[in-house]
Amino acid sequence: MAKKITAKTETALEAASAPLDMASFFNQAADAITEMGAEAEALAQLEADSALEEAVKIAGRPLETNEGEIGHFEQTDDGPVWVKFDPATYKAEDETGQSEDGQEGTDPADIDLPAHVPGDLKVMKGDFTLEQKETKKAEVVTEFTQRIAFEKAQPGCSSKMVPNLEAEQKKMATIGAAGLFLAMDIDPSFINREVSTGSRFNVYAFQKVNDLIVALDGGFMQNAINRAIVTSLFNFRDAGIPFTGAAALAAASDKVKADRAMTKHLVRHTVSANTASTQKSSTMTALKTLGIVTNSGTRGAEVWTLTDTPATRRLEQVVRGKIAA
């Protein structure tokens, strides 16, 4: 038996079958578009999160998203600089065993315990003539000239790159630095050393090298990251504790978590955790370039050892206040 259709039911059916007025139609269409937009936005966010997660795995370091780009900020003397993530660059670094900031990987020759190298750095520096120092200074100028030309030829060269290189050249191309390079047997060709395809020795590591040169020559270390890491290196050596990459990172930033057993030997600077890796790496690269440390670990698991050379002993006196310029 068919159900009785009441007046109320009939009214509802009529309302449901009645054509929508234009206002209702557009309201419903707008709601549908909004809902679709929200779904698309959520999907895009998921894809962005997935891309960022994958980039972090490839890079092996913290990354972030900035205006739709994945990358990281590098702290420089001129403020933070955005560095876009490039998977090809990181692939090349993996193949060469070097990171984007010039941090070198394992060197089989670094595994042995440091041998004692006799001598006094200041005395050794005085063993060279002014002519020899002028020649070494000219080599430094030549290397920087080649480096600047190389950077100018690179697509998308940063507007700050060349001025930064020129500033570091001015600091390094001196008679004092030339004398140290001669005494320490440092080849200025590191200025153009390739760390990955299309990338050479990190410009920020030049700043750390120059600060160490001033410390070795004049007895004063100005860069706070250098000072914290170098002092911590000597503290760890004296305590018989390996100085790892994690220790170097914790020395660069007190925002980075560190084991309690480690912290009592650390001298710590205060940069943010986001910039600590770049700061740490440029300092360790500078120290290795000058022969102050060697690395017997691997990328991401570094174990740094102080050498026993005139330069290393001089640096210890500087950071521990046992020397006059």
C-alpha atoms as a PDB file:
ATOM      1  CA  MET A   1       0.000   0.000   0.000  1.00  0.00           C
ATOM      2  CA  ALA A   2       1.404   3.355  -1.006  1.00  0.00           C
ATOM      3  CA  LYS A   3       2.297   5.770   1.778  1.00  0.00           C
ATOM      4  CA  LYS A   4       0.045   8.760   2.153  1.00  0.00           C
ATOM      5  CA  ILE A   5       1.614  11.952   0.945  1.00  0.00           C
ATOM      6  CA  THR A   6       0.974  14.661   3.482  1.00  0.00           C
ATOM      7  CA  ALA A   7       0.888  18.335   2.706  1.00  0.00           C
ATOM      8  CA  LYS A   8       4.186  18.783   4.576  1.00  0.00           C
ATOM      9  CA  THR A   9       5.922  16.089   2.509  1.00  0.00           C
ATOM     10  CA  GLU A  10       4.547  17.475  -0.703  1.00  0.00           C
ATOM     11  CA  THR A  11       5.864  20.920   0.125  1.00  0.00           C
ATOM     12  CA  ALA A  12       9.345  19.508   0.819  1.00  0.00           C
ATOM     13  CA  LEU A  13       9.362  17.621  -2.470  1.00  0.00           C
ATOM     14  CA  GLU A  14       8.382  20.697  -4.359  1.00  0.00           C
ATOM     15  CA  ALA A  15      11.148  22.684  -2.688  1.00  0.00           C
ATOM     16  CA  ALA A  16      13.747  20.045  -3.555  1.00  0.00           C
ATOM     17  CA  SER A  17      12.704  19.875  -7.196  1.00  0.00           C
ATOM     18  CA  ALA A  18      12.344  23.609  -7.652  1.00  0.00           C
ATOM     19  CA  PRO A  19      15.088  25.255  -9.728  1.00  0.00           C
ATOM     20  CA  LEU A  20      17.711  27.200  -7.773  1.00  0.00           C
ATOM     21  CA  ASP A  21      17.546  30.951  -7.958  1.00  0.00           C
ATOM     22  CA  MET A  22      20.729  32.599  -9.304  1.00  0.00           C
ATOM     23  CA  ALA A  23      21.955  33.767  -5.895  1.00  0.00           C
ATOM     24  CA  SER A  24      21.736  30.280  -4.414  1.00  0.00           C
ATOM     25  CA  PHE A  25      23.405  28.776  -7.455  1.00  0.00           C
ATOM     26  CA  PHE A  26      26.421  31.062  -7.255  1.00  0.00           C
ATOM     27  CA  ASN A  27      26.676  30.630  -3.492  1.00  0.00           C
ATOM     28  CA  GLN A  28      26.821  26.856  -3.862  1.00  0.00           C
ATOM     29  CA  ALA A  29      29.336  27.145  -6.713  1.00  0.00           C
ATOM     30  CA  ALA A  30      31.520  29.422  -4.626  1.00  0.00           C
ATOM     31  CA  ASP A  31      31.368  26.973  -1.715  1.00  0.00           C
ATOM     32  CA  ALA A  32      32.398  24.130  -4.024  1.00  0.00           C
ATOM     33  CA  ILE A  33      35.316  26.121  -5.426  1.00  0.00           C
ATOM     34  CA  THR A  34      36.447  27.057  -1.919  1.00  0.00           C
ATOM     35  CA  GLU A  35      36.321  23.413  -0.870  1.00  0.00           C
ATOM     36  CA  MET A  36      38.298  22.347  -3.946  1.00  0.00           C
ATOM     37  CA  GLY A  37      40.821  25.110  -3.292  1.00  0.00           C
ATOM     38  CA  ALA A  38      41.287  23.972   0.287  1.00  0.00           C
ATOM     39  CA  GLU A  39      41.847  20.394  -0.874  1.00  0.00           C
ATOM     40  CA  ALA A  40      44.356  21.560  -3.500  1.00  0.00           C
ATOM     41  CA  GLU A  41      46.138  23.699  -0.921  1.00  0.00           C
ATOM     42  CA  ALA A  42      46.352  20.778   1.494  1.00  0.00           C
ATOM     43  CA  LEU A  43      47.683  18.517  -1.272  1.00  0.00           C
ATOM     44  CA  ALA A  44      50.242  21.137  -2.291  1.00  0.00           C
ATOM     45  CA  GLN A  45      51.368  21.435   1.330  1.00  0.00           C
ATOM     46  CA  LEU A  46      51.776  17.667   1.576  1.00  0.00           C
ATOM     47  CA  GLU A  47      53.833  17.664  -1.618  1.00  0.00           C
ATOM     48  CA  ALA A  48      55.956  20.564  -0.336  1.00  0.00           C
ATOM     49  CA  ASP A  49      56.534  18.796   2.988  1.00  0.00           C
ATOM     50  CA  SER A  50      57.496  15.610   1.140  1.00  0.00           C
ATOM     51  CA  ALA A  51      59.896  17.515  -1.129  1.00  0.00           C
ATOM     52  CA  LEU A  52      61.506  19.209   1.868  1.00  0.00           C
ATOM     53  CA  GLU A  53      61.872  15.881   3.687  1.00  0.00           C
ATOM     54  CA  GLU A  54      63.515  14.300   0.634  1.00  0.00           C
ATOM     55  CA  ALA A  55      65.843  17.294   0.202  1.00  0.00           C
ATOM     56  CA  VAL A  56      66.945  17.035   3.832  1.00  0.00           C
ATOM     57  CA  LYS A  57      67.791  13.358   3.303  1.00  0.00           C
ATOM     58  CA  ILE A  58      69.889  14.185   0.241  1.00  0.00           C
ATOM     59  CA  ALA A  59      71.610  17.191   1.793  1.00  0.00           C
ATOM     60  CA  GLY A  60      72.237  15.559   5.147  1.00  0.00           C
ATOM     61  CA  ARG A  61      71.578  18.882   6.892  1.00  0.00           C
ATOM     62  CA  PRO A  62      68.620  20.991   8.081  1.00  0.00           C
ATOM     63  CA  LEU A  63      66.816  22.828   5.273  1.00  0.00           C
ATOM     64  CA  GLU A  64      63.778  25.065   5.107  1.00  0.00           C
ATOM     65  CA  THR A  65      61.321  26.545   2.629  1.00  0.00           C
ATOM     66  CA  ASN A  66      61.544  30.218   1.750  1.00  0.00           C
ATOM     67  CA  GLU A  67      59.135  31.779  -0.769  1.00  0.00           C
ATOM     68  CA  GLY A  68      58.580  28.412  -2.419  1.00  0.00           C
ATOM     69  CA  GLU A  69      62.276  27.495  -2.589  1.00  0.00           C
ATOM     70  CA  ILE A  70      64.071  24.851  -0.538  1.00  0.00           C
ATOM     71  CA  GLY A  71      67.444  25.783   0.884  1.00  0.00           C
ATOM     72  CA  HIS A  72      69.128  27.294   3.921  1.00  0.00           C
ATOM     73  CA  PHE A  73      70.376  30.603   5.213  1.00  0.00           C
ATOM     74  CA  GLU A  74      74.113  31.069   5.659  1.00  0.00           C
ATOM     75  CA  GLN A  75      75.184  33.603   8.238  1.00  0.00           C
ATOM     76  CA  THR A  76      77.816  35.982   6.881  1.00  0.00           C
ATOM     77  CA  ASP A  77      79.410  39.187   8.080  1.00  0.00           C
ATOM     78  CA  ASP A  78      76.895  40.998   5.867  1.00  0.00           C
ATOM     79  CA  GLY A  79      73.933  39.159   7.358  1.00  0.00           C
ATOM     80  CA  PRO A  80      72.055  35.973   6.374  1.00  0.00           C
ATOM     81  CA  VAL A  81      72.319  34.854   2.748  1.00  0.00           C
ATOM     82  CA  TRP A  82      69.781  32.454   1.178  1.00  0.00           C
ATOM     83  CA  VAL A  83      71.351  29.406  -0.497  1.00  0.00           C
ATOM     84  CA  LYS A  84      68.996  27.435  -2.753  1.00  0.00           C
ATOM     85  CA  PHE A  85      69.143  23.641  -2.508  1.00  0.00           C
ATOM     86  CA  ASP A  86      70.508  21.947  -5.639  1.00  0.00           C
ATOM     87  CA  PRO A  87      70.395  18.102  -5.624  1.00  0.00           C
ATOM     88  CA  ALA A  88      73.058  17.941  -8.353  1.00  0.00           C
ATOM     89  CA  THR A  89      75.478  19.871  -6.167  1.00  0.00           C
ATOM     90  CA  TYR A  90      74.996  17.527  -3.244  1.00  0.00           C
ATOM     91  CA  LYS A  91      75.438  14.509  -5.514  1.00  0.00           C
ATOM     92  CA  ALA A  92      78.742  15.901  -6.716  1.00  0.00           C
ATOM     93  CA  GLU A  93      79.789  16.535  -3.134  1.00  0.00           C
ATOM     94  CA  ASP A  94      79.025  12.953  -2.157  1.00  0.00           C
ATOM     95  CA  GLU A  95      81.172  11.710  -5.017  1.00  0.00           C
ATOM     96  CA  THR A  96      84.104  13.925  -4.020  1.00  0.00           C
ATOM     97  CA  GLY A  97      83.671  13.415  -0.288  1.00  0.00           C
ATOM     98  CA  GLN A  98      83.246  17.124   0.333  1.00  0.00           C
ATOM     99  CA  SER A  99      80.336  19.224   1.535  1.00  0.00           C
ATOM    100  CA  GLU A 100      78.907  22.374   0.038  1.00  0.00           C
ATOM    101  CA  ASP A 101      80.855  24.681   2.297  1.00  0.00           C
ATOM    102  CA  GLY A 102      84.265  23.228   1.470  1.00  0.00           C
ATOM    103  CA  GLN A 103      84.350  20.731   4.322  1.00  0.00           C
ATOM    104  CA  GLU A 104      86.645  17.955   3.181  1.00  0.00           C
ATOM    105  CA  GLY A 105      86.027  14.273   3.734  1.00  0.00           C
ATOM    106  CA  THR A 106      88.324  11.543   4.918  1.00  0.00           C
ATOM    107  CA  ASP A 107      91.963  11.666   3.990  1.00  0.00           C
ATOM    108  CA  PRO A 108      93.659   8.290   4.538  1.00  0.00           C
ATOM    109  CA  ALA A 109      96.830  10.131   5.519  1.00  0.00           C
ATOM    110  CA  ASP A 110      94.958  11.725   8.443  1.00  0.00           C
ATOM    111  CA  ILE A 111      94.451   8.494  10.360  1.00  0.00           C
ATOM    112  CA  ASP A 112      97.920   8.295  11.930  1.00  0.00           C
ATOM    113  CA  LEU A 113      98.660   9.993  15.245  1.00  0.00           C
ATOM    114  CA  PRO A 114     100.267  13.403  14.798  1.00  0.00           C
ATOM    115  CA  ALA A 115     104.041  13.439  14.653  1.00  0.00           C
ATOM    116  CA  HIS A 116     106.003  16.098  16.490  1.00  0.00           C
ATOM    117  CA  VAL A 117     107.347  18.762  14.149  1.00  0.00           C
ATOM    118  CA  PRO A 118     110.063  20.770  15.910  1.00  0.00           C
ATOM    119  CA  GLY A 119     110.528  24.502  15.593  1.00  0.00           C
ATOM    120  CA  ASP A 120     109.252  27.906  16.670  1.00  0.00           C
ATOM    121  CA  LEU A 121     106.906  29.574  14.189  1.00  0.00           C
ATOM    122  CA  LYS A 122     108.109  33.136  14.724  1.00  0.00           C
ATOM    123  CA  VAL A 123     111.734  32.073  14.350  1.00  0.00           C
ATOM    124  CA  MET A 124     110.925  30.026  11.250  1.00  0.00           C
ATOM    125  CA  LYS A 125     109.091  32.956   9.696  1.00  0.00           C
ATOM    126  CA  GLY A 126     112.216  35.085  10.082  1.00  0.00           C
ATOM    127  CA  ASP A 127     114.318  32.551   8.186  1.00  0.00           C
ATOM    128  CA  PHE A 128     112.934  33.772   4.849  1.00  0.00           C
ATOM    129  CA  THR A 129     114.097  36.824   2.936  1.00  0.00           C
ATOM    130  CA  LEU A 130     111.898  39.738   1.953  1.00  0.00           C
ATOM    131  CA  GLU A 131     112.274  38.688  -1.678  1.00  0.00           C
ATOM    132  CA  GLN A 132     110.933  35.213  -0.884  1.00  0.00           C
ATOM    133  CA  LYS A 133     108.000  36.722   0.972  1.00  0.00           C
ATOM    134  CA  GLU A 134     107.241  39.099  -1.902  1.00  0.00           C
ATOM    135  CA  THR A 135     107.221  36.145  -4.280  1.00  0.00           C
ATOM    136  CA  LYS A 136     104.797  34.222  -2.066  1.00  0.00           C
ATOM    137  CA  LYS A 137     102.598  37.301  -1.729  1.00  0.00           C
ATOM    138  CA  ALA A 138     102.482  37.577  -5.536  1.00  0.00           C
ATOM    139  CA  GLU A 139     101.357  33.933  -5.706  1.00  0.00           C
ATOM    140  CA  VAL A 140      98.458  34.757  -3.384  1.00  0.00           C
ATOM    141  CA  VAL A 141      97.452  37.706  -5.587  1.00  0.00           C
ATOM    142  CA  THR A 142      97.597  35.519  -8.699  1.00  0.00           C
ATOM    143  CA  GLU A 143      95.398  32.854  -7.106  1.00  0.00           C
ATOM    144  CA  PHE A 144      92.790  35.407  -6.063  1.00  0.00           C
ATOM    145  CA  THR A 145      92.842  37.010  -9.512  1.00  0.00           C
ATOM    146  CA  GLN A 146      92.078  33.626 -11.055  1.00  0.00           C
ATOM    147  CA  ARG A 147      89.403  32.916  -8.456  1.00  0.00           C
ATOM    148  CA  ILE A 148      87.636  36.227  -9.031  1.00  0.00           C
ATOM    149  CA  ALA A 149      87.664  35.662 -12.798  1.00  0.00           C
ATOM    150  CA  PHE A 150      86.214  32.183 -12.244  1.00  0.00           C
ATOM    151  CA  GLU A 151      83.384  33.483 -10.075  1.00  0.00           C
ATOM    152  CA  LYS A 152      82.532  36.301 -12.490  1.00  0.00           C
ATOM    153  CA  ALA A 153      82.098  33.707 -15.238  1.00  0.00           C
ATOM    154  CA  GLN A 154      79.604  31.668 -13.197  1.00  0.00           C
ATOM    155  CA  PRO A 155      75.894  32.066 -14.035  1.00  0.00           C
ATOM    156  CA  GLY A 156      74.046  33.760 -11.208  1.00  0.00           C
ATOM    157  CA  CYS A 157      77.191  34.916  -9.425  1.00  0.00           C
ATOM    158  CA  SER A 158      76.179  36.630  -6.178  1.00  0.00           C
ATOM    159  CA  SER A 159      76.665  40.392  -6.131  1.00  0.00           C
ATOM    160  CA  LYS A 160      78.560  39.975  -2.862  1.00  0.00           C
ATOM    161  CA  MET A 161      80.898  37.226  -4.039  1.00  0.00           C
ATOM    162  CA  VAL A 162      83.506  39.367  -5.807  1.00  0.00           C
ATOM    163  CA  PRO A 163      83.608  42.122  -3.144  1.00  0.00           C
ATOM    164  CA  ASN A 164      84.009  39.441  -0.459  1.00  0.00           C
ATOM    165  CA  LEU A 165      86.863  37.807  -2.362  1.00  0.00           C
ATOM    166  CA  GLU A 166      88.557  41.163  -2.913  1.00  0.00           C
ATOM    167  CA  ALA A 167      88.305  41.918   0.805  1.00  0.00           C
ATOM    168  CA  GLU A 168      89.830  38.560   1.744  1.00  0.00           C
ATOM    169  CA  GLN A 169      92.593  39.006  -0.840  1.00  0.00           C
ATOM    170  CA  LYS A 170      93.524  42.324   0.731  1.00  0.00           C
ATOM    171  CA  LYS A 171      93.890  40.622   4.122  1.00  0.00           C
ATOM    172  CA  MET A 172      95.787  37.589   2.852  1.00  0.00           C
ATOM    173  CA  ALA A 173      98.105  39.219   0.308  1.00  0.00           C
ATOM    174  CA  THR A 174     100.488  40.649   2.903  1.00  0.00           C
ATOM    175  CA  ILE A 175     104.135  40.152   3.759  1.00  0.00           C
ATOM    176  CA  GLY A 176     103.153  38.822   7.180  1.00  0.00           C
ATOM    177  CA  ALA A 177     100.841  36.162   5.747  1.00  0.00           C
ATOM    178  CA  ALA A 178     103.414  35.295   3.078  1.00  0.00           C
ATOM    179  CA  GLY A 179     106.013  34.663   5.770  1.00  0.00           C
ATOM    180  CA  LEU A 180     103.628  32.333   7.582  1.00  0.00           C
ATOM    181  CA  PHE A 181     102.782  30.467   4.391  1.00  0.00           C
ATOM    182  CA  LEU A 182     106.497  29.920   3.809  1.00  0.00           C
ATOM    183  CA  ALA A 183     107.149  28.811   7.386  1.00  0.00           C
ATOM    184  CA  MET A 184     104.119  26.496   7.405  1.00  0.00           C
ATOM    185  CA  ASP A 185     104.652  25.273   3.823  1.00  0.00           C
ATOM    186  CA  ILE A 186     101.149  26.362   2.750  1.00  0.00           C
ATOM    187  CA  ASP A 187     100.470  26.355  -0.986  1.00  0.00           C
ATOM    188  CA  PRO A 188      98.169  29.293  -1.926  1.00  0.00           C
ATOM    189  CA  SER A 189      96.581  27.130  -4.627  1.00  0.00           C
ATOM    190  CA  PHE A 190      93.965  26.140  -2.029  1.00  0.00           C
ATOM    191  CA  ILE A 191      92.297  29.445  -2.984  1.00  0.00           C
ATOM    192  CA  ASN A 192      91.159  27.796  -6.226  1.00  0.00           C
ATOM    193  CA  ARG A 193      90.726  24.260  -4.929  1.00  0.00           C
ATOM    194  CA  GLU A 194      87.586  22.685  -6.389  1.00  0.00           C
ATOM    195  CA  VAL A 195      85.266  21.190  -3.789  1.00  0.00           C
ATOM    196  CA  SER A 196      82.539  20.181  -6.248  1.00  0.00           C
ATOM    197  CA  THR A 197      81.647  20.811  -9.873  1.00  0.00           C
ATOM    198  CA  GLY A 198      81.437  24.573 -10.372  1.00  0.00           C
ATOM    199  CA  SER A 199      82.308  25.310  -6.751  1.00  0.00           C
ATOM    200  CA  ARG A 200      85.629  26.202  -5.172  1.00  0.00           C
ATOM    201  CA  PHE A 201      87.052  26.812  -1.694  1.00  0.00           C
ATOM    202  CA  ASN A 202      84.334  28.381   0.426  1.00  0.00           C
ATOM    203  CA  VAL A 203      84.464  32.164   0.608  1.00  0.00           C
ATOM    204  CA  TYR A 204      83.465  32.154   4.284  1.00  0.00           C
ATOM    205  CA  ALA A 205      86.330  29.795   5.078  1.00  0.00           C
ATOM    206  CA  PHE A 206      88.658  32.511   3.717  1.00  0.00           C
ATOM    207  CA  GLN A 207      87.452  34.752   6.533  1.00  0.00           C
ATOM    208  CA  LYS A 208      88.334  32.070   9.068  1.00  0.00           C
ATOM    209  CA  VAL A 209      91.750  31.461   7.442  1.00  0.00           C
ATOM    210  CA  ASN A 210      92.559  35.163   7.612  1.00  0.00           C
ATOM    211  CA  ASP A 211      91.519  35.336  11.255  1.00  0.00           C
ATOM    212  CA  LEU A 212      93.822  32.407  12.051  1.00  0.00           C
ATOM    213  CA  ILE A 213      96.671  34.094  10.163  1.00  0.00           C
ATOM    214  CA  VAL A 214      96.235  37.209  12.302  1.00  0.00           C
ATOM    215  CA  ALA A 215      96.237  35.023  15.416  1.00  0.00           C
ATOM    216  CA  LEU A 216      99.400  33.181  14.386  1.00  0.00           C
ATOM    217  CA  ASP A 217     101.187  36.350  13.332  1.00  0.00           C
ATOM    218  CA  GLY A 218      99.879  38.940  15.766  1.00  0.00           C
ATOM    219  CA  GLY A 219      98.803  36.887  18.763  1.00  0.00           C
ATOM    220  CA  PHE A 220      95.102  37.819  18.729  1.00  0.00           C
ATOM    221  CA  MET A 221      92.123  35.810  17.480  1.00  0.00           C
ATOM    222  CA  GLN A 222      89.107  37.982  16.713  1.00  0.00           C
ATOM    223  CA  ASN A 223      86.582  35.527  15.268  1.00  0.00           C
ATOM    224  CA  ALA A 224      84.453  34.152  18.099  1.00  0.00           C
ATOM    225  CA  ILE A 225      83.664  30.870  16.334  1.00  0.00           C
ATOM    226  CA  ASN A 226      87.352  30.228  15.698  1.00  0.00           C
ATOM    227  CA  ARG A 227      88.165  31.064  19.297  1.00  0.00           C
ATOM    228  CA  ALA A 228      85.478  28.778  20.738  1.00  0.00           C
ATOM    229  CA  ILE A 229      86.339  25.807  18.526  1.00  0.00           C
ATOM    230  CA  VAL A 230      90.125  26.138  18.797  1.00  0.00           C
ATOM    231  CA  THR A 231      90.036  26.479  22.591  1.00  0.00           C
ATOM    232  CA  SER A 232      87.677  23.502  22.819  1.00  0.00           C
ATOM    233  CA  LEU A 233      90.030  21.457  20.624  1.00  0.00           C
ATOM    234  CA  PHE A 234      92.883  21.942  23.073  1.00  0.00           C
ATOM    235  CA  ASN A 235      90.614  21.230  26.054  1.00  0.00           C
ATOM    236  CA  PHE A 236      89.468  17.948  24.509  1.00  0.00           C
ATOM    237  CA  ARG A 237      93.025  16.977  23.619  1.00  0.00           C
ATOM    238  CA  ASP A 238      94.177  17.549  27.197  1.00  0.00           C
ATOM    239  CA  ALA A 239      91.231  15.539  28.539  1.00  0.00           C
ATOM    240  CA  GLY A 240      91.955  12.666  26.153  1.00  0.00           C
ATOM    241  CA  ILE A 241      88.529  12.962  24.526  1.00  0.00           C
ATOM    242  CA  PRO A 242      88.052  12.724  20.733  1.00  0.00           C
ATOM    243  CA  PHE A 243      86.928  16.017  19.224  1.00  0.00           C
ATOM    244  CA  THR A 244      84.081  15.039  16.917  1.00  0.00           C
ATOM    245  CA  GLY A 245      82.011  16.988  14.443  1.00  0.00           C
ATOM    246  CA  ALA A 246      79.276  17.086  17.085  1.00  0.00           C
ATOM    247  CA  ALA A 247      81.701  18.677  19.538  1.00  0.00           C
ATOM    248  CA  ALA A 248      82.683  21.301  16.967  1.00  0.00           C
ATOM    249  CA  LEU A 249      79.003  22.030  16.321  1.00  0.00           C
ATOM    250  CA  ALA A 250      78.312  22.403  20.039  1.00  0.00           C
ATOM    251  CA  ALA A 251      81.277  24.746  20.383  1.00  0.00           C
ATOM    252  CA  ALA A 252      79.890  26.942  17.606  1.00  0.00           C
ATOM    253  CA  SER A 253      76.462  27.212  19.234  1.00  0.00           C
ATOM    254  CA  ASP A 254      75.218  26.855  22.784  1.00  0.00           C
ATOM    255  CA  LYS A 255      71.771  26.282  21.250  1.00  0.00           C
ATOM    256  CA  VAL A 256      72.900  22.820  20.106  1.00  0.00           C
ATOM    257  CA  LYS A 257      72.335  19.961  22.539  1.00  0.00           C
ATOM    258  CA  ALA A 258      75.534  18.343  23.818  1.00  0.00           C
ATOM    259  CA  ASP A 259      76.369  15.475  26.150  1.00  0.00           C
ATOM    260  CA  ARG A 260      76.994  16.564  29.723  1.00  0.00           C
ATOM    261  CA  ALA A 261      80.395  14.856  29.701  1.00  0.00           C
ATOM    262  CA  MET A 262      81.305  16.994  26.702  1.00  0.00           C
ATOM    263  CA  THR A 263      80.067  20.374  27.871  1.00  0.00           C
ATOM    264  CA  LYS A 264      82.576  20.823  30.698  1.00  0.00           C
ATOM    265  CA  HIS A 265      85.382  20.832  28.132  1.00  0.00           C
ATOM    266  CA  LEU A 266      83.605  23.076  25.634  1.00  0.00           C
ATOM    267  CA  VAL A 267      83.982  26.785  25.096  1.00  0.00           C
ATOM    268  CA  ARG A 268      80.740  27.724  23.370  1.00  0.00           C
ATOM    269  CA  HIS A 269      79.662  30.593  21.145  1.00  0.00           C
ATOM    270  CA  THR A 270      76.075  31.744  20.761  1.00  0.00           C
ATOM    271  CA  VAL A 271      75.072  31.569  17.081  1.00  0.00           C
ATOM    272  CA  SER A 272      71.686  30.064  16.278  1.00  0.00           C
ATOM    273  CA  ALA A 273      71.397  26.321  15.795  1.00  0.00           C
ATOM    274  CA  ASN A 274      70.404  26.908  12.151  1.00  0.00           C
ATOM    275  CA  THR A 275      73.702  28.600  11.278  1.00  0.00           C
ATOM    276  CA  ALA A 276      75.967  26.529  13.530  1.00  0.00           C
ATOM    277  CA  SER A 277      76.711  23.891  10.877  1.00  0.00           C
ATOM    278  CA  THR A 278      77.940  26.424   8.315  1.00  0.00           C
ATOM    279  CA  GLN A 279      80.011  28.272  10.901  1.00  0.00           C
ATOM    280  CA  LYS A 280      81.515  25.064  12.252  1.00  0.00           C
ATOM    281  CA  SER A 281      82.376  23.716   8.823  1.00  0.00           C
ATOM    282  CA  SER A 282      84.111  26.880   7.622  1.00  0.00           C
ATOM    283  CA  THR A 283      86.265  26.985  10.762  1.00  0.00           C
ATOM    284  CA  MET A 284      87.239  23.311  10.529  1.00  0.00           C
ATOM    285  CA  THR A 285      88.042  23.744   6.828  1.00  0.00           C
ATOM    286  CA  ALA A 286      90.272  26.716   7.666  1.00  0.00           C
ATOM    287  CA  LEU A 287      92.058  24.795  10.425  1.00  0.00           C
ATOM    288  CA  LYS A 288      92.675  21.822   8.156  1.00  0.00           C
ATOM    289  CA  THR A 289      93.884  24.059   5.324  1.00  0.00           C
ATOM    290  CA  LEU A 290      96.525  25.526   7.634  1.00  0.00           C
ATOM    291  CA  GLY A 291      97.551  22.101   8.918  1.00  0.00           C
ATOM    292  CA  ILE A 292      96.287  22.715  12.462  1.00  0.00           C
ATOM    293  CA  VAL A 293      93.985  19.663  12.467  1.00  0.00           C
ATOM    294  CA  THR A 294      93.486  16.415  10.594  1.00  0.00           C
ATOM    295  CA  ASN A 295      90.306  14.380  10.195  1.00  0.00           C
ATOM    296  CA  SER A 296      90.330  10.614  10.684  1.00  0.00           C
ATOM    297  CA  GLY A 297      86.559  10.254  10.458  1.00  0.00           C
ATOM    298  CA  THR A 298      84.094  10.403   7.602  1.00  0.00           C
ATOM    299  CA  ARG A 299      81.658  13.014   6.396  1.00  0.00           C
ATOM    300  CA  GLY A 300      79.029  13.435   9.073  1.00  0.00           C
ATOM    301  CA  ALA A 301      81.165  11.499  11.588  1.00  0.00           C
ATOM    302  CA  GLU A 302      84.331  13.577  11.754  1.00  0.00           C
ATOM    303  CA  VAL A 303      87.041  13.008  14.349  1.00  0.00           C
ATOM    304  CA  TRP A 304      89.412  15.951  14.468  1.00  0.00           C
ATOM    305  CA  THR A 305      92.942  15.713  15.852  1.00  0.00           C
ATOM    306  CA  LEU A 306      95.296  18.595  16.550  1.00  0.00           C
ATOM    307  CA  THR A 307      98.677  18.326  14.875  1.00  0.00           C
ATOM    308  CA  ASP A 308     101.908  18.881  16.789  1.00  0.00           C
ATOM    309  CA  THR A 309     103.479  21.584  14.658  1.00  0.00           C
ATOM    310  CA  PRO A 310     104.989  25.006  15.375  1.00  0.00           C
ATOM    311  CA  ALA A 311     101.768  26.619  14.113  1.00  0.00           C
ATOM    312  CA  THR A 312      99.542  24.492  16.359  1.00  0.00           C
ATOM    313  CA  ARG A 313     101.691  25.162  19.410  1.00  0.00           C
ATOM    314  CA  ARG A 314     101.671  28.887  18.628  1.00  0.00           C
ATOM    315  CA  LEU A 315      97.871  28.824  18.330  1.00  0.00           C
ATOM    316  CA  GLU A 316      97.566  27.119  21.705  1.00  0.00           C
ATOM    317  CA  GLN A 317      99.614  29.879  23.305  1.00  0.00           C
ATOM    318  CA  VAL A 318      97.394  32.494  21.667  1.00  0.00           C
ATOM    319  CA  VAL A 319      94.032  31.101  22.807  1.00  0.00           C
ATOM    320  CA  ARG A 320      95.310  30.343  26.302  1.00  0.00           C
ATOM    321  CA  GLY A 321      96.810  33.776  26.760  1.00  0.00           C
ATOM    322  CA  LYS A 322     100.355  32.534  27.237  1.00  0.00           C
ATOM    323  CA  ILE A 323     101.935  34.655  24.564  1.00  0.00           C
ATOM    324  CA  ALA A 324     102.534  38.263  23.671  1.00  0.00           C
ATOM    325  CA  ALA A 325     102.283  39.375  20.080  1.00  0.00           C
END
